[in-house]
Amino acid sequence: MGGASRKGAGALPIFVGDDWAEDHHDIEVVDEGGRRLTRRRVPEGVEGIGQLHALVVACLDKVAGRDPGGDDGDDPGQVIVGIEVDHGPWVQALLAAGYRVYAVNPLQVARYRDRHSTSGAKSDPGDAHVLAELVRLDRAHHRPLVPDSALAQQLKVLARGHQNVVWTRQRQANALRSMLREYYPAALAAFGSDAAAGGPLDGRDALAVLTVAPGPEQGRALSLSKIEAALRRGGRKRNVTATATAIQTALRSPQLSVPAGLTGAYTASAQAMIAVLAELVRQEHILAEQVAQDFGQHPDAEIYLSQPGLGAVLGARVLSETGDAPDRFADAKARKNHAGTAPITRASGSRRVVKARIARNRRLGDAHFQQAFSALNVSPGARAYYDARRARGATHAQALRALANRLVGILHGCLKHHTRYDEATAWASHNINKAAA
């Protein structure tokens, strides 16, 4: 039994398949030969984890040939668990008990299910059996779950919460844009994009003015002094008069009108949406400050911040989604695969295609993609690497993915050797700086 932890001679492992649901877990336990020892459904929560521990003890007694309840002295490392989730109180309880936990991608479990049956049949107890068999026979091809530090777990909650608010804010701004297009196109002329006079719809200028003028009549009636006052309340300190004049001109531009009653309904709806959007922007800033504060306390924060294209928020996302367990990745390739930046190859006969990796951690992959885009403006090596890819015929997205993949490898080396990013060292093997010169 490769890698099993044993406390005494003859100690045998057991394999637990845990198919989880919102309010219960289907459990199956098998021994080293694949013989089913028990199968049971336990509830979620403290009661359920207690029942699972009791099942584990009973099964360890059974494989060891002991009387139930005897003084066993078993090592919890003999208990190997397969489950389809890598977070949450239940998983934390399994790790705290000392069990070896393998968090298996549900897609891999679905493929493995076909190994046992081609009929397409599926059930929760059946999935528990598949998970138990998977960790019994194929665990060498999977990575055991290694817990991160408490600070990294805390950062993950904060960084994901911040990104969720960002996504919600973007959806809310798009919904508001669609509504304004129906009855108030002058507002989009004033605040429709970064290039507009008042900036984007979710910017401080737009929210400040639209709060006092959510409809076309209010917009046309706004005086220059009222617009200036609104901009100052929103936080603008420079170019107030010039910006207010441009906004006033846009709001008073001719537009097609809708019936008065319909305009009133649209205005009331938009007013509520503007208030929600303003609060989302405020909460996004609050969470960003908290993320940056907690990220600064991590011992690896300086290494992450030294990487081109990574700031406090983006660095926190990369750290929290990757984790900080030192032995999680055997090499840079493993980290690149986990990040989703490494391409995949599909080859059959004479046909060979290299494609972007679709099955990935979207949050982590997007963070590295954003890092690569930002690095173009701050790292000559990154810019030259990107330009070289484009010169070879790669599209913008392909070149950015390749750059992101390279930056993940650089980050791995910096973390491995506990050193900050150095431009000359990072790109020496590619002779990028010489080529750029």
Protein backbone atom coordinates (compact mmCIF):
# COMPACT_ATOMS: atom_id res chain seq x y z
CA MET A 1 0.00 0.00 0.00
CA GLY A 2 2.05 2.93 -1.26
CA GLY A 3 2.26 5.87 1.12
CA ALA A 4 -0.06 4.55 3.83
CA SER A 5 0.82 5.70 7.34
CA ARG A 6 1.08 2.76 9.77
CA LYS A 7 1.59 2.85 13.47
CA GLY A 8 2.32 -0.79 14.03
CA ALA A 9 3.05 -3.97 12.15
CA GLY A 10 0.07 -5.30 10.24
CA ALA A 11 -1.88 -2.01 10.31
CA LEU A 12 -4.20 -1.91 7.30
CA PRO A 13 -5.77 1.11 5.66
CA ILE A 14 -9.44 1.67 4.96
CA PHE A 15 -10.89 3.72 2.13
CA VAL A 16 -13.87 6.01 2.60
CA GLY A 17 -16.06 7.30 -0.24
CA ASP A 18 -18.02 10.39 0.82
CA ASP A 19 -20.70 11.62 -1.58
CA TRP A 20 -21.86 14.89 -0.06
CA ALA A 21 -25.12 16.78 -0.36
CA GLU A 22 -26.47 19.86 1.36
CA ASP A 23 -27.97 18.02 4.32
CA HIS A 24 -26.40 14.53 4.30
CA HIS A 25 -23.44 12.39 3.24
CA ASP A 26 -23.54 8.92 1.70
CA ILE A 27 -20.62 6.94 3.09
CA GLU A 28 -19.05 3.70 1.89
CA VAL A 29 -15.97 2.13 3.48
CA VAL A 30 -13.91 -0.59 1.79
CA ASP A 31 -10.76 -2.42 2.78
CA GLU A 32 -7.52 -2.83 0.85
CA GLY A 33 -8.96 -5.69 -1.19
CA GLY A 34 -12.10 -3.77 -2.16
CA ARG A 35 -14.42 -5.62 0.25
CA ARG A 36 -17.23 -3.40 1.45
CA LEU A 37 -17.07 -2.91 5.20
CA THR A 38 -20.07 -0.64 5.65
CA ARG A 39 -22.39 1.72 3.82
CA ARG A 40 -24.50 4.36 5.52
CA ARG A 41 -26.06 7.80 5.13
CA VAL A 42 -25.11 10.30 7.85
CA PRO A 43 -26.46 13.82 8.42
CA GLU A 44 -24.46 16.96 7.81
CA GLY A 45 -23.01 18.69 10.87
CA VAL A 46 -21.62 17.68 14.24
CA GLU A 47 -23.90 14.66 14.60
CA GLY A 48 -22.93 13.35 11.19
CA ILE A 49 -19.18 13.75 11.65
CA GLY A 50 -19.49 11.94 14.99
CA GLN A 51 -21.27 9.03 13.28
CA LEU A 52 -18.58 8.95 10.60
CA HIS A 53 -15.81 8.77 13.19
CA ALA A 54 -17.66 5.88 14.90
CA LEU A 55 -17.95 4.06 11.54
CA VAL A 56 -14.23 4.55 10.93
CA VAL A 57 -13.30 3.11 14.34
CA ALA A 58 -15.57 0.10 13.79
CA CYS A 59 -14.10 -0.55 10.36
CA LEU A 60 -10.52 -0.26 11.63
CA ASP A 61 -11.37 -2.80 14.32
CA LYS A 62 -12.86 -5.10 11.69
CA VAL A 63 -9.84 -5.05 9.35
CA ALA A 64 -7.48 -5.51 12.31
CA GLY A 65 -9.51 -8.44 13.70
CA ARG A 66 -10.04 -6.72 17.07
CA ASP A 67 -13.03 -6.72 19.34
CA PRO A 68 -15.11 -3.56 18.90
CA GLY A 69 -14.13 -0.76 21.27
CA GLY A 70 -10.71 -2.20 22.08
CA ASP A 71 -7.59 -0.14 22.68
CA ASP A 72 -6.54 0.25 19.06
CA GLY A 73 -3.81 2.88 18.85
CA ASP A 74 -4.62 3.29 15.16
CA ASP A 75 -3.02 6.05 13.14
CA PRO A 76 -5.73 8.23 11.53
CA GLY A 77 -3.47 8.32 8.46
CA GLN A 78 -4.76 4.79 7.76
CA VAL A 79 -8.09 6.39 6.84
CA ILE A 80 -8.09 7.60 3.23
CA VAL A 81 -11.12 9.65 2.17
CA GLY A 82 -12.35 10.56 -1.31
CA ILE A 83 -14.75 13.50 -1.58
CA GLU A 84 -15.77 15.92 -4.35
CA VAL A 85 -15.23 19.16 -2.43
CA ASP A 86 -12.09 20.75 -0.99
CA HIS A 87 -13.50 23.26 1.49
CA GLY A 88 -16.10 23.73 4.20
CA PRO A 89 -16.46 22.71 7.86
CA TRP A 90 -16.93 19.02 7.00
CA VAL A 91 -13.67 18.81 5.07
CA GLN A 92 -11.89 20.76 7.81
CA ALA A 93 -13.18 18.25 10.36
CA LEU A 94 -11.82 15.35 8.27
CA LEU A 95 -8.41 17.00 8.08
CA ALA A 96 -8.45 17.84 11.80
CA ALA A 97 -9.09 14.16 12.57
CA GLY A 98 -5.85 13.31 10.74
CA TYR A 99 -7.46 11.49 7.81
CA ARG A 100 -5.82 11.66 4.40
CA VAL A 101 -8.31 13.47 2.19
CA TYR A 102 -8.39 13.49 -1.61
CA ALA A 103 -10.63 16.18 -3.11
CA VAL A 104 -11.51 14.78 -6.54
CA ASN A 105 -12.91 16.88 -9.36
CA PRO A 106 -16.55 15.88 -10.02
CA LEU A 107 -15.76 15.56 -13.72
CA GLN A 108 -13.10 12.95 -12.93
CA VAL A 109 -15.56 11.09 -10.71
CA ALA A 110 -18.11 11.06 -13.54
CA ARG A 111 -15.52 9.59 -15.90
CA TYR A 112 -14.48 7.02 -13.31
CA ARG A 113 -18.12 6.03 -12.83
CA ASP A 114 -18.16 4.75 -16.41
CA ARG A 115 -15.42 2.32 -15.44
CA HIS A 116 -17.89 0.53 -13.18
CA SER A 117 -20.97 0.79 -15.36
CA THR A 118 -21.74 1.89 -18.90
CA SER A 119 -25.50 1.97 -18.40
CA GLY A 120 -25.53 5.61 -17.27
CA ALA A 121 -27.09 4.69 -13.91
CA LYS A 122 -26.27 7.06 -11.05
CA SER A 123 -27.09 7.25 -7.35
CA ASP A 124 -25.61 8.85 -4.26
CA PRO A 125 -24.63 5.50 -2.66
CA GLY A 126 -23.19 4.48 -6.03
CA ASP A 127 -21.07 7.63 -6.15
CA ALA A 128 -19.80 6.92 -2.64
CA HIS A 129 -18.68 3.50 -3.90
CA VAL A 130 -16.96 5.10 -6.91
CA LEU A 131 -15.09 7.53 -4.64
CA ALA A 132 -13.97 4.76 -2.31
CA GLU A 133 -12.69 2.70 -5.25
CA LEU A 134 -11.01 5.71 -6.79
CA VAL A 135 -8.88 6.47 -3.72
CA ARG A 136 -8.21 2.75 -3.22
CA LEU A 137 -6.87 2.13 -6.69
CA ASP A 138 -5.94 5.45 -8.32
CA ARG A 139 -4.98 7.86 -5.55
CA ALA A 140 -1.40 7.96 -6.85
CA HIS A 141 -2.76 10.00 -9.76
CA HIS A 142 -4.41 12.57 -7.49
CA ARG A 143 -3.08 15.19 -5.11
CA PRO A 144 -3.94 14.78 -1.41
CA LEU A 145 -5.57 17.78 0.18
CA VAL A 146 -3.02 19.78 2.15
CA PRO A 147 -4.50 22.40 4.49
CA ASP A 148 -3.41 25.99 4.04
CA SER A 149 -2.52 28.34 6.86
CA ALA A 150 -5.32 30.04 8.75
CA LEU A 151 -4.37 33.38 7.19
CA ALA A 152 -4.51 31.94 3.65
CA GLN A 153 -7.95 30.49 4.33
CA GLN A 154 -9.08 33.84 5.70
CA LEU A 155 -7.72 35.58 2.61
CA LYS A 156 -9.56 33.16 0.35
CA VAL A 157 -12.89 34.05 1.91
CA LEU A 158 -12.18 37.78 1.66
CA ALA A 159 -10.75 37.67 -1.88
CA ARG A 160 -13.66 35.58 -3.18
CA GLY A 161 -16.13 37.84 -1.41
CA HIS A 162 -14.53 40.88 -3.02
CA GLN A 163 -14.57 39.30 -6.47
CA ASN A 164 -18.21 38.26 -6.04
CA VAL A 165 -19.08 41.88 -5.27
CA VAL A 166 -17.11 43.02 -8.34
CA TRP A 167 -19.04 40.59 -10.55
CA THR A 168 -22.35 41.66 -9.00
CA ARG A 169 -21.45 45.34 -9.51
CA GLN A 170 -20.66 44.69 -13.18
CA ARG A 171 -23.97 42.88 -13.70
CA GLN A 172 -25.84 45.68 -11.96
CA ALA A 173 -24.14 48.32 -14.12
CA ASN A 174 -25.04 46.38 -17.27
CA ALA A 175 -28.65 46.08 -16.15
CA LEU A 176 -28.77 49.83 -15.46
CA ARG A 177 -27.24 50.54 -18.87
CA SER A 178 -29.96 48.48 -20.57
CA MET A 179 -32.68 50.36 -18.71
CA LEU A 180 -31.24 53.82 -19.43
CA ARG A 181 -31.09 52.97 -23.11
CA GLU A 182 -34.87 52.51 -23.07
CA TYR A 183 -35.80 55.99 -21.76
CA TYR A 184 -32.71 58.11 -20.95
CA PRO A 185 -30.06 57.82 -23.72
CA ALA A 186 -28.63 61.22 -22.76
CA ALA A 187 -27.37 59.64 -19.54
CA LEU A 188 -25.41 57.09 -21.57
CA ALA A 189 -23.93 59.93 -23.61
CA ALA A 190 -22.73 61.49 -20.35
CA PHE A 191 -21.70 58.32 -18.50
CA GLY A 192 -21.70 55.45 -20.97
CA SER A 193 -17.98 54.56 -20.96
CA ASP A 194 -14.52 55.48 -19.73
CA ALA A 195 -14.26 57.93 -22.65
CA ALA A 196 -17.55 59.68 -21.79
CA ALA A 197 -17.56 63.06 -20.08
CA GLY A 198 -18.58 61.63 -16.74
CA GLY A 199 -16.81 58.28 -17.03
CA PRO A 200 -18.41 54.82 -16.64
CA LEU A 201 -21.84 54.20 -15.14
CA ASP A 202 -20.40 52.72 -11.97
CA GLY A 203 -17.94 55.60 -11.51
CA ARG A 204 -18.24 58.16 -8.75
CA ASP A 205 -19.27 61.01 -11.08
CA ALA A 206 -22.07 59.03 -12.73
CA LEU A 207 -23.50 57.77 -9.46
CA ALA A 208 -23.37 61.23 -7.88
CA VAL A 209 -25.22 62.92 -10.76
CA LEU A 210 -27.69 60.13 -11.53
CA THR A 211 -28.69 59.99 -7.87
CA VAL A 212 -30.07 63.53 -8.13
CA ALA A 213 -31.21 63.17 -11.77
CA PRO A 214 -32.42 59.61 -12.46
CA GLY A 215 -34.75 60.74 -15.27
CA PRO A 216 -34.44 62.84 -18.43
CA GLU A 217 -36.50 65.77 -17.10
CA GLN A 218 -34.35 66.06 -13.97
CA GLY A 219 -31.24 65.77 -16.10
CA ARG A 220 -32.21 68.60 -18.43
CA ALA A 221 -33.18 70.78 -15.46
CA LEU A 222 -29.84 70.42 -13.64
CA SER A 223 -27.93 73.68 -13.39
CA LEU A 224 -24.17 73.83 -13.62
CA SER A 225 -23.86 74.61 -9.90
CA LYS A 226 -25.97 71.59 -8.94
CA ILE A 227 -23.87 69.28 -11.11
CA GLU A 228 -20.69 70.71 -9.59
CA ALA A 229 -22.08 70.17 -6.08
CA ALA A 230 -22.99 66.57 -6.91
CA LEU A 231 -19.52 65.91 -8.34
CA ARG A 232 -17.89 67.29 -5.19
CA ARG A 233 -20.12 65.10 -3.00
CA GLY A 234 -19.00 62.15 -5.08
CA GLY A 235 -15.36 62.93 -4.33
CA ARG A 236 -14.16 64.83 -7.40
CA LYS A 237 -11.58 67.54 -6.58
CA ARG A 238 -10.09 68.45 -9.96
CA ASN A 239 -11.57 69.76 -13.20
CA VAL A 240 -14.96 70.09 -11.54
CA THR A 241 -16.28 72.92 -13.70
CA ALA A 242 -15.05 71.46 -16.98
CA THR A 243 -16.47 68.04 -16.17
CA ALA A 244 -19.79 69.52 -15.03
CA THR A 245 -20.08 71.54 -18.25
CA ALA A 246 -19.49 68.48 -20.41
CA ILE A 247 -22.03 66.45 -18.40
CA GLN A 248 -24.62 69.23 -18.64
CA THR A 249 -24.17 69.43 -22.40
CA ALA A 250 -24.65 65.67 -22.74
CA LEU A 251 -27.73 65.59 -20.48
CA ARG A 252 -29.37 68.41 -22.45
CA SER A 253 -28.69 66.86 -25.84
CA PRO A 254 -31.79 65.99 -27.93
CA GLN A 255 -33.22 62.51 -27.43
CA LEU A 256 -36.31 60.55 -28.40
CA SER A 257 -38.92 60.66 -25.67
CA VAL A 258 -41.28 58.03 -24.24
CA PRO A 259 -44.77 58.61 -22.76
CA ALA A 260 -44.76 60.50 -19.46
CA GLY A 261 -46.21 57.64 -17.41
CA LEU A 262 -43.70 55.22 -18.80
CA THR A 263 -40.87 57.64 -18.09
CA GLY A 264 -41.98 57.85 -14.46
CA ALA A 265 -41.97 54.07 -14.11
CA TYR A 266 -38.53 53.80 -15.67
CA THR A 267 -37.22 56.60 -13.44
CA ALA A 268 -38.45 54.93 -10.25
CA SER A 269 -36.92 51.61 -11.27
CA ALA A 270 -33.62 53.20 -12.26
CA GLN A 271 -33.48 55.14 -9.00
CA ALA A 272 -33.58 51.87 -7.07
CA MET A 273 -30.94 50.31 -9.32
CA ILE A 274 -28.66 53.36 -8.92
CA ALA A 275 -28.93 53.13 -5.12
CA VAL A 276 -28.03 49.42 -5.21
CA LEU A 277 -25.09 50.09 -7.57
CA ALA A 278 -23.77 52.87 -5.34
CA GLU A 279 -23.85 50.57 -2.32
CA LEU A 280 -22.10 47.80 -4.24
CA VAL A 281 -19.31 50.21 -5.19
CA ARG A 282 -18.97 51.28 -1.55
CA GLN A 283 -18.84 47.71 -0.26
CA GLU A 284 -16.34 46.77 -2.97
CA HIS A 285 -13.96 49.46 -1.71
CA ILE A 286 -14.40 48.35 1.90
CA LEU A 287 -13.64 44.72 1.04
CA ALA A 288 -10.64 45.73 -1.11
CA GLU A 289 -9.14 47.56 1.86
CA GLN A 290 -9.69 44.53 4.10
CA VAL A 291 -8.15 42.20 1.51
CA ALA A 292 -5.07 44.42 1.18
CA GLN A 293 -4.73 44.70 4.96
CA ASP A 294 -4.85 40.95 5.58
CA PHE A 295 -2.70 40.18 2.54
CA GLY A 296 0.02 42.46 3.92
CA GLN A 297 0.26 40.26 7.02
CA HIS A 298 1.16 37.12 5.04
CA PRO A 299 4.87 36.18 5.12
CA ASP A 300 4.93 35.73 1.32
CA ALA A 301 3.23 39.05 0.56
CA GLU A 302 6.47 40.78 -0.44
CA ILE A 303 7.29 38.04 -2.93
CA TYR A 304 3.86 38.28 -4.54
CA LEU A 305 3.94 42.08 -4.63
CA SER A 306 7.35 42.00 -6.31
CA GLN A 307 5.89 40.13 -9.29
CA PRO A 308 5.11 42.32 -12.31
CA GLY A 309 1.40 43.00 -12.67
CA LEU A 310 0.41 41.92 -9.17
CA GLY A 311 -0.98 44.40 -6.65
CA ALA A 312 -2.49 43.77 -3.25
CA VAL A 313 -5.95 42.61 -4.43
CA LEU A 314 -4.76 40.56 -7.41
CA GLY A 315 -1.87 39.14 -5.39
CA ALA A 316 -4.28 38.12 -2.64
CA ARG A 317 -6.46 36.32 -5.19
CA VAL A 318 -3.49 34.40 -6.58
CA LEU A 319 -2.19 33.46 -3.13
CA SER A 320 -5.55 32.43 -1.73
CA GLU A 321 -6.66 30.41 -4.77
CA THR A 322 -3.27 28.66 -5.00
CA GLY A 323 -2.77 28.21 -1.27
CA ASP A 324 0.40 28.50 0.76
CA ALA A 325 1.12 24.86 1.68
CA PRO A 326 4.85 24.61 0.82
CA ASP A 327 4.77 21.06 -0.57
CA ARG A 328 1.57 21.29 -2.61
CA PHE A 329 3.33 21.52 -5.99
CA ALA A 330 6.19 19.24 -6.91
CA ASP A 331 7.43 21.58 -9.65
CA ALA A 332 6.53 24.61 -11.72
CA LYS A 333 4.60 22.46 -14.20
CA ALA A 334 2.24 21.28 -11.46
CA ARG A 335 1.60 24.89 -10.41
CA LYS A 336 0.94 25.91 -14.03
CA ASN A 337 -1.54 23.06 -14.48
CA HIS A 338 -3.32 24.06 -11.30
CA ALA A 339 -3.42 27.70 -12.39
CA GLY A 340 -4.98 26.70 -15.73
CA THR A 341 -2.38 28.63 -17.73
CA ALA A 342 -0.64 25.56 -19.19
CA PRO A 343 -2.09 24.52 -22.57
CA ILE A 344 -3.36 21.03 -23.34
CA THR A 345 -2.46 18.89 -26.35
CA ARG A 346 -4.96 16.76 -28.24
CA ALA A 347 -3.20 14.35 -30.58
CA SER A 348 -4.62 11.49 -32.61
CA GLY A 349 -2.85 9.93 -35.54
CA SER A 350 -1.33 12.69 -37.65
CA ARG A 351 -3.52 15.38 -36.09
CA ARG A 352 -2.11 17.41 -33.23
CA VAL A 353 -3.80 20.46 -31.68
CA VAL A 354 -2.62 22.61 -28.76
CA LYS A 355 -5.53 24.36 -27.03
CA ALA A 356 -6.22 26.57 -24.06
CA ARG A 357 -7.17 24.77 -20.86
CA ILE A 358 -10.92 25.17 -20.33
CA ALA A 359 -11.37 23.05 -17.18
CA ARG A 360 -9.69 25.25 -14.59
CA ASN A 361 -10.15 27.39 -11.54
CA ARG A 362 -11.74 30.39 -13.21
CA ARG A 363 -10.84 32.80 -10.42
CA LEU A 364 -7.17 31.82 -10.44
CA GLY A 365 -6.90 31.66 -14.22
CA ASP A 366 -8.49 35.09 -14.65
CA ALA A 367 -6.19 36.57 -11.99
CA HIS A 368 -3.09 35.35 -13.84
CA PHE A 369 -4.52 36.60 -17.16
CA GLN A 370 -5.04 40.06 -15.63
CA GLN A 371 -1.52 39.92 -14.20
CA ALA A 372 -0.08 39.19 -17.63
CA PHE A 373 -1.98 42.12 -19.17
CA SER A 374 -0.78 44.49 -16.43
CA ALA A 375 2.80 43.21 -16.66
CA LEU A 376 3.07 44.45 -20.25
CA ASN A 377 3.36 48.03 -18.98
CA VAL A 378 5.81 47.43 -16.11
CA SER A 379 8.12 44.63 -17.24
CA PRO A 380 10.32 45.00 -20.36
CA GLY A 381 10.89 41.25 -20.30
CA ALA A 382 7.18 40.51 -20.25
CA ARG A 383 6.54 42.97 -23.06
CA ALA A 384 9.31 41.47 -25.22
CA TYR A 385 8.06 37.93 -24.53
CA TYR A 386 4.53 38.97 -25.56
CA ASP A 387 5.79 40.77 -28.68
CA ALA A 388 7.85 37.72 -29.69
CA ARG A 389 4.74 35.53 -29.45
CA ARG A 390 2.70 37.96 -31.53
CA ALA A 391 5.48 38.07 -34.15
CA ARG A 392 5.21 34.28 -34.44
CA GLY A 393 1.52 34.58 -35.33
CA ALA A 394 -0.17 34.23 -31.92
CA THR A 395 -3.34 36.20 -31.24
CA HIS A 396 -3.51 38.70 -28.39
CA ALA A 397 -5.25 36.16 -26.12
CA GLN A 398 -2.82 33.37 -27.02
CA ALA A 399 0.19 35.58 -26.35
CA LEU A 400 -1.25 36.72 -23.02
CA ARG A 401 -1.93 33.11 -21.97
CA ALA A 402 1.64 32.16 -22.84
CA LEU A 403 2.94 35.13 -20.85
CA ALA A 404 0.70 34.23 -17.90
CA ASN A 405 2.06 30.67 -18.01
CA ARG A 406 5.61 31.99 -17.94
CA LEU A 407 4.82 34.34 -15.03
CA VAL A 408 3.38 31.43 -13.01
CA GLY A 409 6.68 29.59 -13.46
CA ILE A 410 8.61 32.66 -12.31
CA LEU A 411 6.38 32.98 -9.25
CA HIS A 412 6.97 29.31 -8.43
CA GLY A 413 10.73 29.82 -8.52
CA CYS A 414 10.54 32.92 -6.33
CA LEU A 415 8.41 31.13 -3.72
CA LYS A 416 10.61 28.04 -3.80
CA HIS A 417 13.77 30.04 -3.16
CA HIS A 418 12.11 32.69 -0.96
CA THR A 419 13.36 35.53 -3.13
CA ARG A 420 11.81 38.61 -4.71
CA TYR A 421 11.29 39.00 -8.43
CA ASP A 422 14.30 40.18 -10.42
CA GLU A 423 13.78 41.32 -14.01
CA ALA A 424 17.18 40.22 -15.32
CA THR A 425 17.04 36.78 -13.68
CA ALA A 426 13.44 36.11 -14.68
CA TRP A 427 14.03 36.51 -18.42
CA ALA A 428 17.67 35.45 -18.72
CA SER A 429 16.87 32.01 -20.17
CA HIS A 430 14.83 33.58 -22.97
CA ASN A 431 17.41 36.27 -23.83
CA ILE A 432 14.49 38.65 -23.93
CA ASN A 433 16.31 41.70 -22.71
CA LYS A 434 19.08 41.23 -25.30
CA ALA A 435 16.56 40.82 -28.08
CA ALA A 436 14.70 43.92 -26.97
CA ALA A 437 17.93 45.92 -26.95
